[in-house]
Amino acid sequence: MHSNGYIFRYASIIVILAAAFLSLASVLLKPFQERNVEIDKMQGILSAVHIQGVTAQNAIPYFNKYIVEEQVINPKTGEILNDYTKSPKQNAPAFKIDLKTQLYNKKHNKPYKLPIYIAEKNDQKIYIIPMYGQGLWGPIWGNVALTSDFKKIIGVYFGDQEETPGLGGEIKSAHFKNQFVGKTIFDKHGNFTSIKVVKGGIGKLPANERIHGVDALSGATLTSNGVNDMFKNVLSSYLIYIKKHS
């Protein structure tokens, strides 16, 4: 029978070796995890522009092909702080911006900056604005692609962390996303309207306002409200930039 001291030493060695192995594994896997996050981000941006055939294997070349410019902007002045047009675009300052952190700074009246992506598809320039907000159980995020004059939505992409499958998780579904195509975020006088996610359907809106609205998700009021708030909060931050470039 082994002494208590022997058992203690043996257990300590096993714990130390296990900790060292886990630490090493974390270090070795980190670049792959970061690359997966980057690829997922690229796929979300390209999805908003309806680029077909994008996979984890080809996301980087597709991103470099269709995204022709990335800009970092000062939302309070509309000034372009940094633009980047050379490959590889996943190393651009705009792509590296943590939108969650920047929106947190905005909320707390701290200086912040925002990214915007410019794509070209079928000789058409498309502006892609990334979004971040709060759903029922956790964060939601997405991208909205706008025409070169910022008047119409070309497409959207949504993601979520913990929304309920079949309810709030339906923000990722085609039938919800397709509603946004062709909608506008400004009225005929150029006033910002954002997008209204309407509980009970856009039939509740006056006829002239339905071009700014989509039907909320059935049984997912708080997630729908989160999408509504996300659009309003993020897009309003780009208004000065949009006015300067439309």
C-alpha atoms as a PDB file:
ATOM      1  CA  MET A   1       0.000   0.000   0.000  1.00  0.00           C
ATOM      2  CA  HIS A   2       1.338   3.402  -0.943  1.00  0.00           C
ATOM      3  CA  SER A   3       1.762   6.078   1.660  1.00  0.00           C
ATOM      4  CA  ASN A   4      -0.398   9.212   1.733  1.00  0.00           C
ATOM      5  CA  GLY A   5       2.636  11.249   0.680  1.00  0.00           C
ATOM      6  CA  TYR A   6       3.159   9.103  -2.397  1.00  0.00           C
ATOM      7  CA  ILE A   7      -0.515   9.366  -3.387  1.00  0.00           C
ATOM      8  CA  PHE A   8      -0.421  13.144  -2.905  1.00  0.00           C
ATOM      9  CA  ARG A   9       2.721  13.526  -5.036  1.00  0.00           C
ATOM     10  CA  TYR A  10       1.347  11.258  -7.745  1.00  0.00           C
ATOM     11  CA  ALA A  11      -1.964  13.162  -7.879  1.00  0.00           C
ATOM     12  CA  SER A  12      -0.118  16.504  -7.967  1.00  0.00           C
ATOM     13  CA  ILE A  13       2.002  15.392 -10.908  1.00  0.00           C
ATOM     14  CA  ILE A  14      -1.061  14.202 -12.822  1.00  0.00           C
ATOM     15  CA  VAL A  15      -2.844  17.529 -12.179  1.00  0.00           C
ATOM     16  CA  ILE A  16       0.201  19.543 -13.279  1.00  0.00           C
ATOM     17  CA  LEU A  17       0.642  17.466 -16.432  1.00  0.00           C
ATOM     18  CA  ALA A  18      -3.064  17.743 -17.278  1.00  0.00           C
ATOM     19  CA  ALA A  19      -2.992  21.514 -16.772  1.00  0.00           C
ATOM     20  CA  ALA A  20       0.119  21.824 -18.930  1.00  0.00           C
ATOM     21  CA  PHE A  21      -1.493  19.725 -21.676  1.00  0.00           C
ATOM     22  CA  LEU A  22      -4.695  21.774 -21.646  1.00  0.00           C
ATOM     23  CA  SER A  23      -2.716  24.999 -21.696  1.00  0.00           C
ATOM     24  CA  LEU A  24      -0.637  23.809 -24.623  1.00  0.00           C
ATOM     25  CA  ALA A  25      -3.729  22.642 -26.488  1.00  0.00           C
ATOM     26  CA  SER A  26      -5.365  26.032 -25.945  1.00  0.00           C
ATOM     27  CA  VAL A  27      -2.325  27.849 -27.331  1.00  0.00           C
ATOM     28  CA  LEU A  28      -2.039  25.542 -30.335  1.00  0.00           C
ATOM     29  CA  LEU A  29      -5.754  25.676 -31.145  1.00  0.00           C
ATOM     30  CA  LYS A  30      -6.179  29.435 -30.721  1.00  0.00           C
ATOM     31  CA  PRO A  31      -5.079  30.369 -34.282  1.00  0.00           C
ATOM     32  CA  PHE A  32      -7.538  27.828 -35.718  1.00  0.00           C
ATOM     33  CA  GLN A  33     -10.352  29.109 -33.503  1.00  0.00           C
ATOM     34  CA  GLU A  34      -9.631  32.697 -34.516  1.00  0.00           C
ATOM     35  CA  ARG A  35      -9.561  31.716 -38.178  1.00  0.00           C
ATOM     36  CA  ASN A  36     -12.938  29.975 -37.816  1.00  0.00           C
ATOM     37  CA  VAL A  37     -14.398  33.148 -36.299  1.00  0.00           C
ATOM     38  CA  GLU A  38     -12.988  35.195 -39.189  1.00  0.00           C
ATOM     39  CA  ILE A  39     -14.395  32.789 -41.774  1.00  0.00           C
ATOM     40  CA  ASP A  40     -17.822  32.858 -40.141  1.00  0.00           C
ATOM     41  CA  LYS A  41     -17.688  36.671 -40.198  1.00  0.00           C
ATOM     42  CA  MET A  42     -16.793  36.679 -43.909  1.00  0.00           C
ATOM     43  CA  GLN A  43     -19.604  34.255 -44.708  1.00  0.00           C
ATOM     44  CA  GLY A  44     -22.082  36.505 -42.902  1.00  0.00           C
ATOM     45  CA  ILE A  45     -20.952  39.581 -44.846  1.00  0.00           C
ATOM     46  CA  LEU A  46     -21.096  37.776 -48.196  1.00  0.00           C
ATOM     47  CA  SER A  47     -24.465  36.223 -47.349  1.00  0.00           C
ATOM     48  CA  ALA A  48     -26.021  39.685 -47.006  1.00  0.00           C
ATOM     49  CA  VAL A  49     -24.950  40.377 -50.611  1.00  0.00           C
ATOM     50  CA  HIS A  50     -26.395  37.034 -51.811  1.00  0.00           C
ATOM     51  CA  ILE A  51     -23.039  35.627 -52.907  1.00  0.00           C
ATOM     52  CA  GLN A  52     -23.728  31.994 -53.699  1.00  0.00           C
ATOM     53  CA  GLY A  53     -21.523  28.975 -53.086  1.00  0.00           C
ATOM     54  CA  VAL A  54     -19.555  30.372 -50.150  1.00  0.00           C
ATOM     55  CA  THR A  55     -18.133  27.665 -47.889  1.00  0.00           C
ATOM     56  CA  ALA A  56     -15.618  27.559 -45.073  1.00  0.00           C
ATOM     57  CA  GLN A  57     -13.044  26.399 -47.613  1.00  0.00           C
ATOM     58  CA  ASN A  58     -13.494  29.254 -50.105  1.00  0.00           C
ATOM     59  CA  ALA A  59     -14.718  32.100 -47.882  1.00  0.00           C
ATOM     60  CA  ILE A  60     -11.372  33.927 -47.884  1.00  0.00           C
ATOM     61  CA  PRO A  61     -10.892  34.094 -51.689  1.00  0.00           C
ATOM     62  CA  TYR A  62     -14.561  34.981 -52.184  1.00  0.00           C
ATOM     63  CA  PHE A  63     -14.266  37.732 -49.577  1.00  0.00           C
ATOM     64  CA  ASN A  64     -11.177  39.147 -51.267  1.00  0.00           C
ATOM     65  CA  LYS A  65     -12.920  38.973 -54.636  1.00  0.00           C
ATOM     66  CA  TYR A  66     -16.208  40.685 -53.792  1.00  0.00           C
ATOM     67  CA  ILE A  67     -15.207  43.090 -51.016  1.00  0.00           C
ATOM     68  CA  VAL A  68     -13.380  45.861 -52.844  1.00  0.00           C
ATOM     69  CA  GLU A  69     -12.984  48.286 -49.962  1.00  0.00           C
ATOM     70  CA  GLU A  70     -13.232  48.418 -46.178  1.00  0.00           C
ATOM     71  CA  GLN A  71     -13.473  51.633 -44.196  1.00  0.00           C
ATOM     72  CA  VAL A  72     -13.169  52.648 -40.572  1.00  0.00           C
ATOM     73  CA  ILE A  73     -15.331  55.688 -39.901  1.00  0.00           C
ATOM     74  CA  ASN A  74     -15.854  58.285 -37.207  1.00  0.00           C
ATOM     75  CA  PRO A  75     -19.643  58.143 -36.773  1.00  0.00           C
ATOM     76  CA  LYS A  76     -19.833  61.607 -35.216  1.00  0.00           C
ATOM     77  CA  THR A  77     -18.295  63.325 -38.244  1.00  0.00           C
ATOM     78  CA  GLY A  78     -18.777  60.787 -41.032  1.00  0.00           C
ATOM     79  CA  GLU A  79     -15.036  61.013 -41.661  1.00  0.00           C
ATOM     80  CA  ILE A  80     -13.214  57.997 -43.065  1.00  0.00           C
ATOM     81  CA  LEU A  81     -10.416  57.246 -40.618  1.00  0.00           C
ATOM     82  CA  ASN A  82      -8.877  54.431 -42.555  1.00  0.00           C
ATOM     83  CA  ASP A  83      -9.552  52.634 -45.800  1.00  0.00           C
ATOM     84  CA  TYR A  84      -7.988  49.453 -47.041  1.00  0.00           C
ATOM     85  CA  THR A  85      -8.241  47.970 -50.500  1.00  0.00           C
ATOM     86  CA  LYS A  86      -5.362  45.519 -50.721  1.00  0.00           C
ATOM     87  CA  SER A  87      -5.498  41.789 -50.006  1.00  0.00           C
ATOM     88  CA  PRO A  88      -5.701  39.968 -47.713  1.00  0.00           C
ATOM     89  CA  LYS A  89      -8.719  41.961 -46.559  1.00  0.00           C
ATOM     90  CA  GLN A  90      -9.222  39.895 -43.411  1.00  0.00           C
ATOM     91  CA  ASN A  91      -6.190  41.769 -42.049  1.00  0.00           C
ATOM     92  CA  ALA A  92      -7.758  45.183 -42.662  1.00  0.00           C
ATOM     93  CA  PRO A  93      -8.331  47.543 -39.716  1.00  0.00           C
ATOM     94  CA  ALA A  94     -12.086  47.565 -40.411  1.00  0.00           C
ATOM     95  CA  PHE A  95     -12.324  43.771 -40.279  1.00  0.00           C
ATOM     96  CA  LYS A  96     -10.502  43.680 -36.942  1.00  0.00           C
ATOM     97  CA  ILE A  97     -12.938  46.063 -35.214  1.00  0.00           C
ATOM     98  CA  ASP A  98     -14.907  44.510 -32.337  1.00  0.00           C
ATOM     99  CA  LEU A  99     -18.372  45.954 -32.959  1.00  0.00           C
ATOM    100  CA  LYS A 100     -19.642  44.942 -29.529  1.00  0.00           C
ATOM    101  CA  THR A 101     -16.908  47.001 -27.848  1.00  0.00           C
ATOM    102  CA  GLN A 102     -17.492  50.015 -30.076  1.00  0.00           C
ATOM    103  CA  LEU A 103     -21.245  50.038 -29.438  1.00  0.00           C
ATOM    104  CA  TYR A 104     -20.549  49.708 -25.726  1.00  0.00           C
ATOM    105  CA  ASN A 105     -18.368  52.816 -25.989  1.00  0.00           C
ATOM    106  CA  LYS A 106     -21.174  54.617 -27.818  1.00  0.00           C
ATOM    107  CA  LYS A 107     -23.656  53.724 -25.079  1.00  0.00           C
ATOM    108  CA  HIS A 108     -21.310  55.164 -22.455  1.00  0.00           C
ATOM    109  CA  ASN A 109     -20.513  58.325 -24.415  1.00  0.00           C
ATOM    110  CA  LYS A 110     -16.947  57.285 -25.146  1.00  0.00           C
ATOM    111  CA  PRO A 111     -15.173  57.764 -28.489  1.00  0.00           C
ATOM    112  CA  TYR A 112     -15.953  54.953 -30.881  1.00  0.00           C
ATOM    113  CA  LYS A 113     -15.412  53.943 -34.485  1.00  0.00           C
ATOM    114  CA  LEU A 114     -17.310  51.707 -36.852  1.00  0.00           C
ATOM    115  CA  PRO A 115     -16.538  49.513 -39.877  1.00  0.00           C
ATOM    116  CA  ILE A 116     -18.262  49.494 -43.243  1.00  0.00           C
ATOM    117  CA  TYR A 117     -17.640  47.152 -46.164  1.00  0.00           C
ATOM    118  CA  ILE A 118     -18.061  47.944 -49.849  1.00  0.00           C
ATOM    119  CA  ALA A 119     -18.737  45.123 -52.287  1.00  0.00           C
ATOM    120  CA  GLU A 120     -19.058  45.018 -56.056  1.00  0.00           C
ATOM    121  CA  LYS A 121     -21.436  42.560 -57.677  1.00  0.00           C
ATOM    122  CA  ASN A 122     -22.658  42.721 -61.268  1.00  0.00           C
ATOM    123  CA  ASP A 123     -21.008  46.144 -61.618  1.00  0.00           C
ATOM    124  CA  GLN A 124     -23.063  47.392 -58.682  1.00  0.00           C
ATOM    125  CA  LYS A 125     -21.563  48.967 -55.577  1.00  0.00           C
ATOM    126  CA  ILE A 126     -23.072  47.674 -52.334  1.00  0.00           C
ATOM    127  CA  TYR A 127     -22.507  48.975 -48.806  1.00  0.00           C
ATOM    128  CA  ILE A 128     -22.581  46.416 -45.995  1.00  0.00           C
ATOM    129  CA  ILE A 129     -23.124  47.574 -42.424  1.00  0.00           C
ATOM    130  CA  PRO A 130     -22.486  45.095 -39.589  1.00  0.00           C
ATOM    131  CA  MET A 131     -24.908  45.065 -36.662  1.00  0.00           C
ATOM    132  CA  TYR A 132     -24.908  43.839 -33.065  1.00  0.00           C
ATOM    133  CA  GLY A 133     -27.687  43.774 -30.483  1.00  0.00           C
ATOM    134  CA  GLN A 134     -29.445  41.844 -27.751  1.00  0.00           C
ATOM    135  CA  GLY A 135     -32.029  39.102 -28.173  1.00  0.00           C
ATOM    136  CA  LEU A 136     -34.079  37.275 -25.568  1.00  0.00           C
ATOM    137  CA  TRP A 137     -31.332  35.037 -24.163  1.00  0.00           C
ATOM    138  CA  GLY A 138     -28.140  36.506 -25.509  1.00  0.00           C
ATOM    139  CA  PRO A 139     -26.508  38.556 -28.245  1.00  0.00           C
ATOM    140  CA  ILE A 140     -27.765  38.732 -31.817  1.00  0.00           C
ATOM    141  CA  TRP A 141     -25.838  40.125 -34.747  1.00  0.00           C
ATOM    142  CA  GLY A 142     -25.994  40.532 -38.482  1.00  0.00           C
ATOM    143  CA  ASN A 143     -25.244  42.505 -41.614  1.00  0.00           C
ATOM    144  CA  VAL A 144     -27.439  44.683 -43.803  1.00  0.00           C
ATOM    145  CA  ALA A 145     -26.494  45.323 -47.436  1.00  0.00           C
ATOM    146  CA  LEU A 146     -27.663  48.589 -49.005  1.00  0.00           C
ATOM    147  CA  THR A 147     -27.700  49.980 -52.522  1.00  0.00           C
ATOM    148  CA  SER A 148     -25.042  52.558 -53.424  1.00  0.00           C
ATOM    149  CA  ASP A 149     -27.474  55.400 -52.655  1.00  0.00           C
ATOM    150  CA  PHE A 150     -28.383  53.742 -49.326  1.00  0.00           C
ATOM    151  CA  LYS A 151     -32.074  53.823 -50.259  1.00  0.00           C
ATOM    152  CA  LYS A 152     -32.908  50.125 -50.460  1.00  0.00           C
ATOM    153  CA  ILE A 153     -31.934  46.949 -48.659  1.00  0.00           C
ATOM    154  CA  ILE A 154     -30.397  44.324 -50.927  1.00  0.00           C
ATOM    155  CA  GLY A 155     -30.129  41.630 -48.287  1.00  0.00           C
ATOM    156  CA  VAL A 156     -29.534  40.816 -44.645  1.00  0.00           C
ATOM    157  CA  TYR A 157     -27.840  38.174 -42.556  1.00  0.00           C
ATOM    158  CA  PHE A 158     -28.575  37.337 -38.920  1.00  0.00           C
ATOM    159  CA  GLY A 159     -26.883  35.215 -36.290  1.00  0.00           C
ATOM    160  CA  ASP A 160     -27.619  34.462 -32.665  1.00  0.00           C
ATOM    161  CA  GLN A 161     -26.030  32.781 -29.688  1.00  0.00           C
ATOM    162  CA  GLU A 162     -28.894  31.389 -27.638  1.00  0.00           C
ATOM    163  CA  GLU A 163     -32.282  32.253 -29.171  1.00  0.00           C
ATOM    164  CA  THR A 164     -34.926  29.529 -28.917  1.00  0.00           C
ATOM    165  CA  PRO A 165     -34.985  27.171 -31.922  1.00  0.00           C
ATOM    166  CA  GLY A 166     -38.259  27.489 -33.831  1.00  0.00           C
ATOM    167  CA  LEU A 167     -38.989  30.849 -32.207  1.00  0.00           C
ATOM    168  CA  GLY A 168     -36.321  33.545 -31.827  1.00  0.00           C
ATOM    169  CA  GLY A 169     -33.864  31.332 -33.660  1.00  0.00           C
ATOM    170  CA  GLU A 170     -35.969  31.898 -36.779  1.00  0.00           C
ATOM    171  CA  ILE A 171     -34.190  35.210 -37.377  1.00  0.00           C
ATOM    172  CA  LYS A 172     -31.745  33.084 -39.388  1.00  0.00           C
ATOM    173  CA  SER A 173     -34.501  31.607 -41.572  1.00  0.00           C
ATOM    174  CA  ALA A 174     -34.946  32.569 -45.215  1.00  0.00           C
ATOM    175  CA  HIS A 175     -38.610  33.499 -44.783  1.00  0.00           C
ATOM    176  CA  PHE A 176     -37.694  36.125 -42.169  1.00  0.00           C
ATOM    177  CA  LYS A 177     -34.619  37.481 -43.948  1.00  0.00           C
ATOM    178  CA  ASN A 178     -36.323  37.703 -47.338  1.00  0.00           C
ATOM    179  CA  GLN A 179     -38.819  40.206 -45.959  1.00  0.00           C
ATOM    180  CA  PHE A 180     -36.090  42.844 -45.696  1.00  0.00           C
ATOM    181  CA  VAL A 181     -35.158  42.813 -49.392  1.00  0.00           C
ATOM    182  CA  GLY A 182     -36.374  45.981 -51.106  1.00  0.00           C
ATOM    183  CA  LYS A 183     -37.289  47.744 -47.867  1.00  0.00           C
ATOM    184  CA  THR A 184     -36.055  51.275 -47.245  1.00  0.00           C
ATOM    185  CA  ILE A 185     -34.563  52.969 -44.185  1.00  0.00           C
ATOM    186  CA  PHE A 186     -35.475  56.503 -45.268  1.00  0.00           C
ATOM    187  CA  ASP A 187     -38.867  58.008 -46.183  1.00  0.00           C
ATOM    188  CA  LYS A 188     -39.507  59.971 -49.393  1.00  0.00           C
ATOM    189  CA  HIS A 189     -38.349  63.157 -47.661  1.00  0.00           C
ATOM    190  CA  GLY A 190     -35.012  61.593 -46.687  1.00  0.00           C
ATOM    191  CA  ASN A 191     -35.882  61.194 -43.014  1.00  0.00           C
ATOM    192  CA  PHE A 192     -34.429  58.162 -41.253  1.00  0.00           C
ATOM    193  CA  THR A 193     -37.070  55.553 -40.429  1.00  0.00           C
ATOM    194  CA  SER A 194     -34.932  52.475 -39.751  1.00  0.00           C
ATOM    195  CA  ILE A 195     -36.783  49.155 -40.118  1.00  0.00           C
ATOM    196  CA  LYS A 196     -39.809  48.374 -37.973  1.00  0.00           C
ATOM    197  CA  VAL A 197     -40.276  44.745 -36.948  1.00  0.00           C
ATOM    198  CA  VAL A 198     -44.013  44.744 -36.344  1.00  0.00           C
ATOM    199  CA  LYS A 199     -45.806  42.373 -34.001  1.00  0.00           C
ATOM    200  CA  GLY A 200     -48.952  41.178 -35.757  1.00  0.00           C
ATOM    201  CA  GLY A 201     -47.623  42.088 -39.187  1.00  0.00           C
ATOM    202  CA  ILE A 202     -46.958  45.187 -41.246  1.00  0.00           C
ATOM    203  CA  GLY A 203     -50.681  45.376 -42.054  1.00  0.00           C
ATOM    204  CA  LYS A 204     -50.893  47.310 -38.800  1.00  0.00           C
ATOM    205  CA  LEU A 205     -48.796  50.093 -40.294  1.00  0.00           C
ATOM    206  CA  PRO A 206     -50.198  52.875 -42.495  1.00  0.00           C
ATOM    207  CA  ALA A 207     -49.859  51.901 -46.152  1.00  0.00           C
ATOM    208  CA  ASN A 208     -47.095  54.431 -46.814  1.00  0.00           C
ATOM    209  CA  GLU A 209     -44.978  53.055 -43.947  1.00  0.00           C
ATOM    210  CA  ARG A 210     -45.049  49.391 -44.916  1.00  0.00           C
ATOM    211  CA  ILE A 211     -41.991  49.847 -47.122  1.00  0.00           C
ATOM    212  CA  HIS A 212     -40.059  50.331 -43.866  1.00  0.00           C
ATOM    213  CA  GLY A 213     -41.532  47.329 -42.035  1.00  0.00           C
ATOM    214  CA  VAL A 214     -41.385  43.537 -41.755  1.00  0.00           C
ATOM    215  CA  ASP A 215     -43.522  41.019 -39.896  1.00  0.00           C
ATOM    216  CA  ALA A 216     -42.258  40.070 -36.452  1.00  0.00           C
ATOM    217  CA  LEU A 217     -41.551  36.440 -35.627  1.00  0.00           C
ATOM    218  CA  SER A 218     -44.564  34.624 -34.239  1.00  0.00           C
ATOM    219  CA  GLY A 219     -44.070  33.731 -30.566  1.00  0.00           C
ATOM    220  CA  ALA A 220     -40.750  35.581 -30.352  1.00  0.00           C
ATOM    221  CA  THR A 221     -41.670  39.126 -29.389  1.00  0.00           C
ATOM    222  CA  LEU A 222     -38.502  39.904 -27.436  1.00  0.00           C
ATOM    223  CA  THR A 223     -36.196  38.599 -30.157  1.00  0.00           C
ATOM    224  CA  SER A 224     -38.161  40.596 -32.746  1.00  0.00           C
ATOM    225  CA  ASN A 225     -37.835  43.672 -30.549  1.00  0.00           C
ATOM    226  CA  GLY A 226     -34.111  42.992 -30.342  1.00  0.00           C
ATOM    227  CA  VAL A 227     -33.821  42.988 -34.143  1.00  0.00           C
ATOM    228  CA  ASN A 228     -35.859  46.196 -34.289  1.00  0.00           C
ATOM    229  CA  ASP A 229     -33.632  47.905 -31.711  1.00  0.00           C
ATOM    230  CA  MET A 230     -30.460  46.592 -33.345  1.00  0.00           C
ATOM    231  CA  PHE A 231     -31.367  48.170 -36.675  1.00  0.00           C
ATOM    232  CA  LYS A 232     -32.285  51.503 -35.126  1.00  0.00           C
ATOM    233  CA  ASN A 233     -29.269  51.724 -32.814  1.00  0.00           C
ATOM    234  CA  VAL A 234     -26.658  50.699 -35.369  1.00  0.00           C
ATOM    235  CA  LEU A 235     -27.985  52.378 -38.517  1.00  0.00           C
ATOM    236  CA  SER A 236     -28.520  55.671 -36.712  1.00  0.00           C
ATOM    237  CA  SER A 237     -24.784  55.654 -35.970  1.00  0.00           C
ATOM    238  CA  TYR A 238     -24.018  55.736 -39.703  1.00  0.00           C
ATOM    239  CA  LEU A 239     -26.372  58.582 -40.657  1.00  0.00           C
ATOM    240  CA  ILE A 240     -23.746  61.317 -40.944  1.00  0.00           C
ATOM    241  CA  TYR A 241     -21.539  59.031 -43.035  1.00  0.00           C
ATOM    242  CA  ILE A 242     -24.504  58.073 -45.246  1.00  0.00           C
ATOM    243  CA  LYS A 243     -25.441  61.729 -45.795  1.00  0.00           C
ATOM    244  CA  LYS A 244     -21.883  62.481 -46.916  1.00  0.00           C
ATOM    245  CA  HIS A 245     -21.663  59.537 -49.307  1.00  0.00           C
ATOM    246  CA  SER A 246     -25.145  59.222 -50.813  1.00  0.00           C
END
